[in-house]
Amino acid sequence: MPTPAKPARLQLLQGNPAKKNVDKLKRRAEQEEKMKMSADHVIPPSWLNDTAKKEFKRLADLLLSVELINDADVGHLALYCDAYSQYLSFKRQVKSKGMWVDGKPNPFILRMKDAAAQMRSFASDLGLSPSARARLAINLEGDNDDDEDF
């Protein structure tokens, strides 16, 4: 399955790991800027529980500060936060009942694994993985150094 397209701005910030033509990426980033959507309504949907809403607000603030999300991304971020909340709920079940229930593995362990997989998938799409943040930080620092050379 092919990798989904990343925004050109994100690719440039990550140091162009796909080794695409930088001029084409910059032109694409300009086109994406023209298509930029509002970020005025990035609020947690009402169907999220309190834990998920709290995580939504926390992440939305972080992602909005670097302009990586907008109103169109609310659903995607909400699904990540819902999986996060489910993971914590399943974790509490495992903690209260133990790793084994009636001589069998606790079924909530498998549910935790599924929620974690969903979180990893959504986190990757949203640029939330630790390695993505490290690449962004390194490349942002590198971009500042390049500006001084000109």
N, C-alpha and C. Protein backbone atom coordinates (compact mmCIF):
# COMPACT_ATOMS: atom_id res chain seq x y z
N MET A 1 0.84 -1.17 0.00
CA MET A 1 0.00 0.00 0.00
C MET A 1 0.89 1.24 0.00
N PRO A 2 0.64 2.20 -0.90
CA PRO A 2 1.49 3.38 -0.95
C PRO A 2 1.29 4.26 0.28
N THR A 3 2.34 4.99 0.60
CA THR A 3 2.30 5.91 1.72
C THR A 3 1.43 7.11 1.36
N PRO A 4 0.54 7.55 2.24
CA PRO A 4 -0.27 8.73 1.94
C PRO A 4 0.60 9.97 1.78
N ALA A 5 0.14 10.90 0.94
CA ALA A 5 0.89 12.12 0.70
C ALA A 5 0.93 12.97 1.96
N LYS A 6 2.10 13.55 2.21
CA LYS A 6 2.26 14.48 3.32
C LYS A 6 2.23 15.89 2.75
N PRO A 7 1.79 16.85 3.56
CA PRO A 7 1.85 18.23 3.09
C PRO A 7 3.30 18.59 2.74
N ALA A 8 3.46 19.39 1.68
CA ALA A 8 4.80 19.79 1.24
C ALA A 8 5.55 20.51 2.35
N ARG A 9 4.85 21.35 3.09
CA ARG A 9 5.50 22.09 4.18
C ARG A 9 6.08 21.13 5.21
N LEU A 10 5.33 20.08 5.55
CA LEU A 10 5.82 19.10 6.51
C LEU A 10 7.04 18.37 5.94
N GLN A 11 7.00 18.02 4.66
CA GLN A 11 8.15 17.35 4.03
C GLN A 11 9.38 18.24 4.06
N LEU A 12 9.20 19.52 3.76
CA LEU A 12 10.34 20.45 3.79
C LEU A 12 10.88 20.60 5.20
N LEU A 13 9.99 20.69 6.19
CA LEU A 13 10.43 20.81 7.57
C LEU A 13 11.17 19.56 8.05
N GLN A 14 10.78 18.41 7.51
CA GLN A 14 11.40 17.15 7.91
C GLN A 14 12.70 16.89 7.15
N GLY A 15 13.12 17.84 6.34
CA GLY A 15 14.37 17.67 5.61
C GLY A 15 14.22 16.89 4.33
N ASN A 16 12.98 16.83 3.80
CA ASN A 16 12.73 16.16 2.52
C ASN A 16 13.23 14.73 2.52
N PRO A 17 12.74 13.88 3.44
CA PRO A 17 13.25 12.51 3.53
C PRO A 17 13.00 11.68 2.27
N ALA A 18 11.99 12.04 1.47
CA ALA A 18 11.70 11.29 0.24
C ALA A 18 12.59 11.74 -0.90
N LYS A 19 13.46 12.73 -0.66
CA LYS A 19 14.40 13.25 -1.65
C LYS A 19 13.70 13.73 -2.92
N LYS A 20 12.58 14.42 -2.71
CA LYS A 20 11.85 14.99 -3.84
C LYS A 20 12.53 16.29 -4.27
N ASN A 21 12.24 16.73 -5.47
CA ASN A 21 12.77 17.97 -5.98
C ASN A 21 12.31 19.11 -5.09
N VAL A 22 13.25 19.84 -4.50
CA VAL A 22 12.93 20.88 -3.53
C VAL A 22 12.13 22.01 -4.19
N ASP A 23 12.47 22.35 -5.42
CA ASP A 23 11.73 23.41 -6.12
C ASP A 23 10.26 23.01 -6.30
N LYS A 24 10.05 21.76 -6.68
CA LYS A 24 8.67 21.27 -6.84
C LYS A 24 7.95 21.27 -5.49
N LEU A 25 8.65 20.86 -4.43
CA LEU A 25 8.03 20.87 -3.10
C LEU A 25 7.67 22.29 -2.67
N LYS A 26 8.54 23.24 -2.96
CA LYS A 26 8.25 24.63 -2.60
C LYS A 26 7.05 25.15 -3.38
N ARG A 27 6.96 24.82 -4.68
CA ARG A 27 5.80 25.23 -5.48
C ARG A 27 4.53 24.58 -4.94
N ARG A 28 4.65 23.30 -4.57
CA ARG A 28 3.49 22.60 -4.01
C ARG A 28 3.08 23.22 -2.67
N ALA A 29 4.06 23.62 -1.87
CA ALA A 29 3.76 24.27 -0.59
C ALA A 29 3.02 25.59 -0.83
N GLU A 30 3.41 26.32 -1.88
CA GLU A 30 2.71 27.56 -2.23
C GLU A 30 1.27 27.27 -2.63
N GLN A 31 1.08 26.21 -3.42
CA GLN A 31 -0.28 25.83 -3.83
C GLN A 31 -1.11 25.41 -2.62
N GLU A 32 -0.48 24.66 -1.72
CA GLU A 32 -1.19 24.24 -0.51
C GLU A 32 -1.56 25.45 0.34
N GLU A 33 -0.68 26.47 0.34
CA GLU A 33 -0.97 27.68 1.10
C GLU A 33 -2.23 28.37 0.55
N LYS A 34 -2.40 28.33 -0.77
CA LYS A 34 -3.59 28.90 -1.39
C LYS A 34 -4.84 28.14 -0.97
N MET A 35 -4.69 26.85 -0.70
CA MET A 35 -5.81 26.01 -0.32
C MET A 35 -6.00 25.96 1.20
N LYS A 36 -5.21 26.74 1.91
CA LYS A 36 -5.23 26.72 3.37
C LYS A 36 -6.65 26.99 3.89
N MET A 37 -7.05 26.19 4.83
CA MET A 37 -8.38 26.30 5.42
C MET A 37 -8.31 27.00 6.76
N SER A 38 -9.44 27.41 7.20
CA SER A 38 -9.57 28.07 8.50
C SER A 38 -9.21 27.10 9.62
N ALA A 39 -8.70 27.67 10.68
CA ALA A 39 -8.44 26.89 11.89
C ALA A 39 -9.17 27.53 13.07
N ASP A 40 -10.29 28.16 12.77
CA ASP A 40 -11.06 28.88 13.79
C ASP A 40 -11.98 27.98 14.61
N HIS A 41 -12.23 26.76 14.14
CA HIS A 41 -13.19 25.89 14.82
C HIS A 41 -12.58 24.54 15.17
N VAL A 42 -11.33 24.57 15.59
CA VAL A 42 -10.68 23.33 16.02
C VAL A 42 -11.05 23.13 17.49
N ILE A 43 -12.22 22.53 17.67
CA ILE A 43 -12.74 22.26 19.02
C ILE A 43 -13.14 20.79 19.09
N PRO A 44 -13.06 20.20 20.27
CA PRO A 44 -13.39 18.78 20.38
C PRO A 44 -14.87 18.52 20.10
N PRO A 45 -15.17 17.49 19.32
CA PRO A 45 -16.57 17.14 19.07
C PRO A 45 -17.27 16.71 20.36
N SER A 46 -18.56 16.91 20.39
CA SER A 46 -19.34 16.61 21.60
C SER A 46 -19.34 15.12 21.94
N TRP A 47 -19.12 14.25 20.96
CA TRP A 47 -19.18 12.81 21.22
C TRP A 47 -17.95 12.28 21.95
N LEU A 48 -16.90 13.07 22.09
CA LEU A 48 -15.73 12.62 22.83
C LEU A 48 -16.02 12.65 24.33
N ASN A 49 -15.46 11.70 25.06
CA ASN A 49 -15.61 11.73 26.52
C ASN A 49 -14.63 12.76 27.10
N ASP A 50 -14.69 12.97 28.39
CA ASP A 50 -13.89 14.02 29.04
C ASP A 50 -12.39 13.81 28.86
N THR A 51 -11.94 12.57 28.98
CA THR A 51 -10.51 12.27 28.81
C THR A 51 -10.06 12.62 27.40
N ALA A 52 -10.84 12.20 26.41
CA ALA A 52 -10.49 12.46 25.01
C ALA A 52 -10.55 13.96 24.71
N LYS A 53 -11.52 14.66 25.28
CA LYS A 53 -11.62 16.12 25.05
C LYS A 53 -10.40 16.84 25.62
N LYS A 54 -9.96 16.41 26.78
CA LYS A 54 -8.78 17.03 27.39
C LYS A 54 -7.55 16.82 26.51
N GLU A 55 -7.38 15.61 26.00
CA GLU A 55 -6.24 15.32 25.11
C GLU A 55 -6.38 16.08 23.80
N PHE A 56 -7.59 16.19 23.29
CA PHE A 56 -7.84 16.94 22.06
C PHE A 56 -7.38 18.39 22.23
N LYS A 57 -7.80 19.01 23.31
CA LYS A 57 -7.43 20.42 23.55
C LYS A 57 -5.92 20.58 23.67
N ARG A 58 -5.30 19.66 24.38
CA ARG A 58 -3.84 19.71 24.57
C ARG A 58 -3.12 19.62 23.23
N LEU A 59 -3.49 18.62 22.43
CA LEU A 59 -2.82 18.43 21.14
C LEU A 59 -3.18 19.52 20.13
N ALA A 60 -4.42 19.96 20.15
CA ALA A 60 -4.83 21.01 19.21
C ALA A 60 -4.00 22.27 19.45
N ASP A 61 -3.78 22.63 20.68
CA ASP A 61 -2.95 23.80 20.98
C ASP A 61 -1.55 23.64 20.41
N LEU A 62 -0.99 22.47 20.60
CA LEU A 62 0.37 22.22 20.09
C LEU A 62 0.41 22.24 18.56
N LEU A 63 -0.53 21.57 17.93
CA LEU A 63 -0.53 21.49 16.47
C LEU A 63 -0.90 22.81 15.81
N LEU A 64 -1.78 23.56 16.43
CA LEU A 64 -2.14 24.87 15.89
C LEU A 64 -0.96 25.85 15.99
N SER A 65 -0.15 25.70 17.00
CA SER A 65 0.97 26.62 17.18
C SER A 65 2.00 26.50 16.05
N VAL A 66 2.03 25.35 15.38
CA VAL A 66 2.94 25.17 14.24
C VAL A 66 2.16 25.02 12.92
N GLU A 67 0.89 25.37 12.97
CA GLU A 67 0.01 25.39 11.79
C GLU A 67 -0.02 24.05 11.04
N LEU A 68 -0.08 22.96 11.79
CA LEU A 68 -0.14 21.65 11.15
C LEU A 68 -1.55 21.09 11.05
N ILE A 69 -2.54 21.74 11.68
CA ILE A 69 -3.92 21.28 11.55
C ILE A 69 -4.82 22.48 11.29
N ASN A 70 -6.03 22.15 10.81
CA ASN A 70 -7.06 23.17 10.59
C ASN A 70 -8.42 22.53 10.85
N ASP A 71 -9.48 23.25 10.51
CA ASP A 71 -10.83 22.75 10.80
C ASP A 71 -11.11 21.39 10.17
N ALA A 72 -10.51 21.12 9.02
CA ALA A 72 -10.75 19.85 8.34
C ALA A 72 -10.14 18.65 9.07
N ASP A 73 -9.22 18.90 9.97
CA ASP A 73 -8.53 17.82 10.67
C ASP A 73 -9.17 17.46 12.01
N VAL A 74 -10.26 18.12 12.36
CA VAL A 74 -10.90 17.89 13.66
C VAL A 74 -11.28 16.42 13.83
N GLY A 75 -11.89 15.83 12.82
CA GLY A 75 -12.32 14.43 12.92
C GLY A 75 -11.15 13.49 13.13
N HIS A 76 -10.08 13.73 12.40
CA HIS A 76 -8.90 12.87 12.50
C HIS A 76 -8.27 12.96 13.90
N LEU A 77 -8.14 14.18 14.39
CA LEU A 77 -7.59 14.37 15.73
C LEU A 77 -8.54 13.77 16.78
N ALA A 78 -9.84 13.92 16.56
CA ALA A 78 -10.82 13.35 17.49
C ALA A 78 -10.71 11.83 17.55
N LEU A 79 -10.50 11.19 16.41
CA LEU A 79 -10.35 9.73 16.40
C LEU A 79 -9.09 9.30 17.15
N TYR A 80 -8.01 10.05 16.98
CA TYR A 80 -6.80 9.77 17.75
C TYR A 80 -7.10 9.85 19.25
N CYS A 81 -7.76 10.93 19.65
CA CYS A 81 -8.05 11.16 21.07
C CYS A 81 -9.02 10.12 21.63
N ASP A 82 -9.95 9.67 20.80
CA ASP A 82 -10.87 8.61 21.22
C ASP A 82 -10.11 7.32 21.46
N ALA A 83 -9.19 6.98 20.55
CA ALA A 83 -8.37 5.78 20.73
C ALA A 83 -7.50 5.90 21.98
N TYR A 84 -6.99 7.09 22.24
CA TYR A 84 -6.20 7.36 23.44
C TYR A 84 -7.04 7.10 24.70
N SER A 85 -8.24 7.62 24.72
CA SER A 85 -9.13 7.42 25.86
C SER A 85 -9.47 5.94 26.05
N GLN A 86 -9.75 5.26 24.95
CA GLN A 86 -10.05 3.82 25.03
C GLN A 86 -8.85 3.06 25.59
N TYR A 87 -7.65 3.40 25.12
CA TYR A 87 -6.45 2.73 25.59
C TYR A 87 -6.34 2.86 27.12
N LEU A 88 -6.54 4.07 27.62
CA LEU A 88 -6.46 4.27 29.07
C LEU A 88 -7.53 3.49 29.81
N SER A 89 -8.71 3.42 29.24
CA SER A 89 -9.80 2.66 29.86
C SER A 89 -9.46 1.17 29.91
N PHE A 90 -8.95 0.64 28.80
CA PHE A 90 -8.57 -0.77 28.76
C PHE A 90 -7.42 -1.04 29.72
N LYS A 91 -6.50 -0.10 29.82
CA LYS A 91 -5.37 -0.25 30.74
C LYS A 91 -5.86 -0.34 32.19
N ARG A 92 -6.86 0.47 32.53
CA ARG A 92 -7.43 0.40 33.88
C ARG A 92 -8.06 -0.97 34.13
N GLN A 93 -8.71 -1.53 33.11
CA GLN A 93 -9.34 -2.86 33.24
C GLN A 93 -8.28 -3.93 33.48
N VAL A 94 -7.18 -3.83 32.75
CA VAL A 94 -6.10 -4.81 32.94
C VAL A 94 -5.50 -4.66 34.33
N LYS A 95 -5.32 -3.43 34.76
CA LYS A 95 -4.75 -3.20 36.08
C LYS A 95 -5.65 -3.74 37.19
N SER A 96 -6.95 -3.56 37.04
CA SER A 96 -7.87 -4.00 38.10
C SER A 96 -8.08 -5.51 38.09
N LYS A 97 -8.10 -6.14 36.93
CA LYS A 97 -8.39 -7.58 36.85
C LYS A 97 -7.13 -8.44 36.72
N GLY A 98 -5.99 -7.81 36.39
CA GLY A 98 -4.75 -8.56 36.24
C GLY A 98 -4.55 -9.05 34.82
N MET A 99 -3.39 -9.63 34.60
CA MET A 99 -3.03 -10.11 33.26
C MET A 99 -3.82 -11.37 32.87
N TRP A 100 -4.28 -12.10 33.87
CA TRP A 100 -5.00 -13.35 33.61
C TRP A 100 -6.38 -13.28 34.26
N VAL A 101 -7.40 -13.76 33.53
CA VAL A 101 -8.76 -13.82 34.05
C VAL A 101 -9.26 -15.24 33.83
N ASP A 102 -9.57 -15.94 34.92
CA ASP A 102 -10.04 -17.33 34.85
C ASP A 102 -9.08 -18.22 34.06
N GLY A 103 -7.79 -18.02 34.28
CA GLY A 103 -6.78 -18.86 33.63
C GLY A 103 -6.51 -18.51 32.18
N LYS A 104 -7.11 -17.46 31.68
CA LYS A 104 -6.90 -17.02 30.29
C LYS A 104 -6.36 -15.61 30.29
N PRO A 105 -5.65 -15.23 29.19
CA PRO A 105 -5.17 -13.85 29.11
C PRO A 105 -6.34 -12.87 29.16
N ASN A 106 -6.15 -11.78 29.86
CA ASN A 106 -7.18 -10.76 29.97
C ASN A 106 -7.51 -10.23 28.57
N PRO A 107 -8.79 -10.27 28.14
CA PRO A 107 -9.14 -9.82 26.79
C PRO A 107 -8.89 -8.33 26.56
N PHE A 108 -8.79 -7.57 27.64
CA PHE A 108 -8.53 -6.14 27.47
C PHE A 108 -7.11 -5.87 27.00
N ILE A 109 -6.22 -6.86 27.15
CA ILE A 109 -4.85 -6.69 26.65
C ILE A 109 -4.88 -6.56 25.13
N LEU A 110 -5.67 -7.39 24.47
CA LEU A 110 -5.79 -7.32 23.01
C LEU A 110 -6.44 -6.01 22.59
N ARG A 111 -7.43 -5.57 23.33
CA ARG A 111 -8.08 -4.29 23.02
C ARG A 111 -7.11 -3.13 23.20
N MET A 112 -6.25 -3.22 24.21
CA MET A 112 -5.21 -2.19 24.39
C MET A 112 -4.29 -2.15 23.17
N LYS A 113 -3.92 -3.33 22.70
CA LYS A 113 -3.04 -3.42 21.54
C LYS A 113 -3.70 -2.78 20.31
N ASP A 114 -4.98 -3.04 20.11
CA ASP A 114 -5.70 -2.45 18.97
C ASP A 114 -5.79 -0.93 19.09
N ALA A 115 -6.08 -0.44 20.29
CA ALA A 115 -6.17 1.01 20.49
C ALA A 115 -4.81 1.66 20.27
N ALA A 116 -3.75 1.00 20.72
CA ALA A 116 -2.39 1.53 20.52
C ALA A 116 -2.05 1.58 19.03
N ALA A 117 -2.45 0.56 18.28
CA ALA A 117 -2.21 0.56 16.83
C ALA A 117 -2.96 1.70 16.14
N GLN A 118 -4.19 1.93 16.56
CA GLN A 118 -4.95 3.06 16.01
C GLN A 118 -4.26 4.37 16.34
N MET A 119 -3.82 4.51 17.56
CA MET A 119 -3.13 5.74 17.97
C MET A 119 -1.88 5.96 17.13
N ARG A 120 -1.08 4.91 16.91
CA ARG A 120 0.14 5.04 16.11
C ARG A 120 -0.19 5.50 14.69
N SER A 121 -1.24 4.93 14.12
CA SER A 121 -1.63 5.29 12.76
C SER A 121 -2.06 6.74 12.67
N PHE A 122 -2.95 7.16 13.57
CA PHE A 122 -3.41 8.55 13.56
C PHE A 122 -2.27 9.50 13.92
N ALA A 123 -1.42 9.11 14.87
CA ALA A 123 -0.30 9.96 15.27
C ALA A 123 0.65 10.20 14.11
N SER A 124 0.88 9.16 13.33
CA SER A 124 1.75 9.30 12.16
C SER A 124 1.14 10.29 11.17
N ASP A 125 -0.16 10.17 10.93
CA ASP A 125 -0.84 11.09 10.00
C ASP A 125 -0.78 12.53 10.49
N LEU A 126 -0.84 12.71 11.80
CA LEU A 126 -0.89 14.06 12.38
C LEU A 126 0.50 14.61 12.70
N GLY A 127 1.55 13.82 12.50
CA GLY A 127 2.90 14.26 12.82
C GLY A 127 3.19 14.26 14.31
N LEU A 128 2.63 13.28 15.03
CA LEU A 128 2.76 13.25 16.49
C LEU A 128 3.79 12.27 17.02
N SER A 129 4.46 11.54 16.16
CA SER A 129 5.41 10.56 16.68
C SER A 129 6.67 11.26 17.19
N PRO A 130 7.34 10.65 18.16
CA PRO A 130 8.57 11.26 18.68
C PRO A 130 9.62 11.49 17.59
N SER A 131 9.77 10.56 16.67
CA SER A 131 10.77 10.74 15.62
C SER A 131 10.39 11.88 14.68
N ALA A 132 9.10 12.04 14.40
CA ALA A 132 8.66 13.15 13.55
C ALA A 132 8.95 14.49 14.23
N ARG A 133 8.70 14.57 15.53
CA ARG A 133 8.99 15.81 16.25
C ARG A 133 10.48 16.10 16.28
N ALA A 134 11.28 15.07 16.46
CA ALA A 134 12.73 15.27 16.48
C ALA A 134 13.22 15.78 15.13
N ARG A 135 12.72 15.17 14.05
CA ARG A 135 13.10 15.62 12.70
C ARG A 135 12.67 17.07 12.48
N LEU A 136 11.46 17.40 12.92
CA LEU A 136 10.98 18.78 12.76
C LEU A 136 11.88 19.75 13.52
N ALA A 137 12.24 19.42 14.74
CA ALA A 137 13.08 20.31 15.55
C ALA A 137 14.45 20.48 14.93
N ILE A 138 15.04 19.40 14.48
CA ILE A 138 16.37 19.45 13.87
C ILE A 138 16.33 20.30 12.60
N ASN A 139 15.33 20.08 11.78
CA ASN A 139 15.26 20.80 10.52
C ASN A 139 14.88 22.26 10.69
N LEU A 140 14.06 22.56 11.68
CA LEU A 140 13.77 23.97 11.96
C LEU A 140 15.03 24.69 12.40
N GLU A 141 15.84 24.02 13.23
CA GLU A 141 17.10 24.61 13.67
C GLU A 141 18.04 24.79 12.49
N GLY A 142 18.07 23.78 11.61
CA GLY A 142 18.91 23.84 10.42
C GLY A 142 18.46 24.94 9.47
N ASP A 143 17.15 25.17 9.37
CA ASP A 143 16.63 26.23 8.50
C ASP A 143 17.12 27.58 8.96
N ASN A 144 17.19 27.80 10.25
CA ASN A 144 17.68 29.08 10.77
C ASN A 144 19.14 29.29 10.41
N ASP A 145 19.94 28.22 10.45
CA ASP A 145 21.36 28.33 10.10
C ASP A 145 21.52 28.67 8.63
N ASP A 146 20.68 28.07 7.77
CA ASP A 146 20.77 28.32 6.33
C ASP A 146 20.47 29.77 6.00
N ASP A 147 19.51 30.38 6.71
CA ASP A 147 19.14 31.75 6.44
C ASP A 147 20.31 32.69 6.67
N GLU A 148 21.15 32.37 7.65
CA GLU A 148 22.27 33.22 7.95
C GLU A 148 23.32 33.18 6.85
N ASP A 149 23.40 32.08 6.10
CA ASP A 149 24.38 31.96 5.03
C ASP A 149 24.07 32.87 3.86
N PHE A 150 22.82 33.22 3.67
CA PHE A 150 22.44 34.06 2.53
C PHE A 150 22.57 35.47 2.94
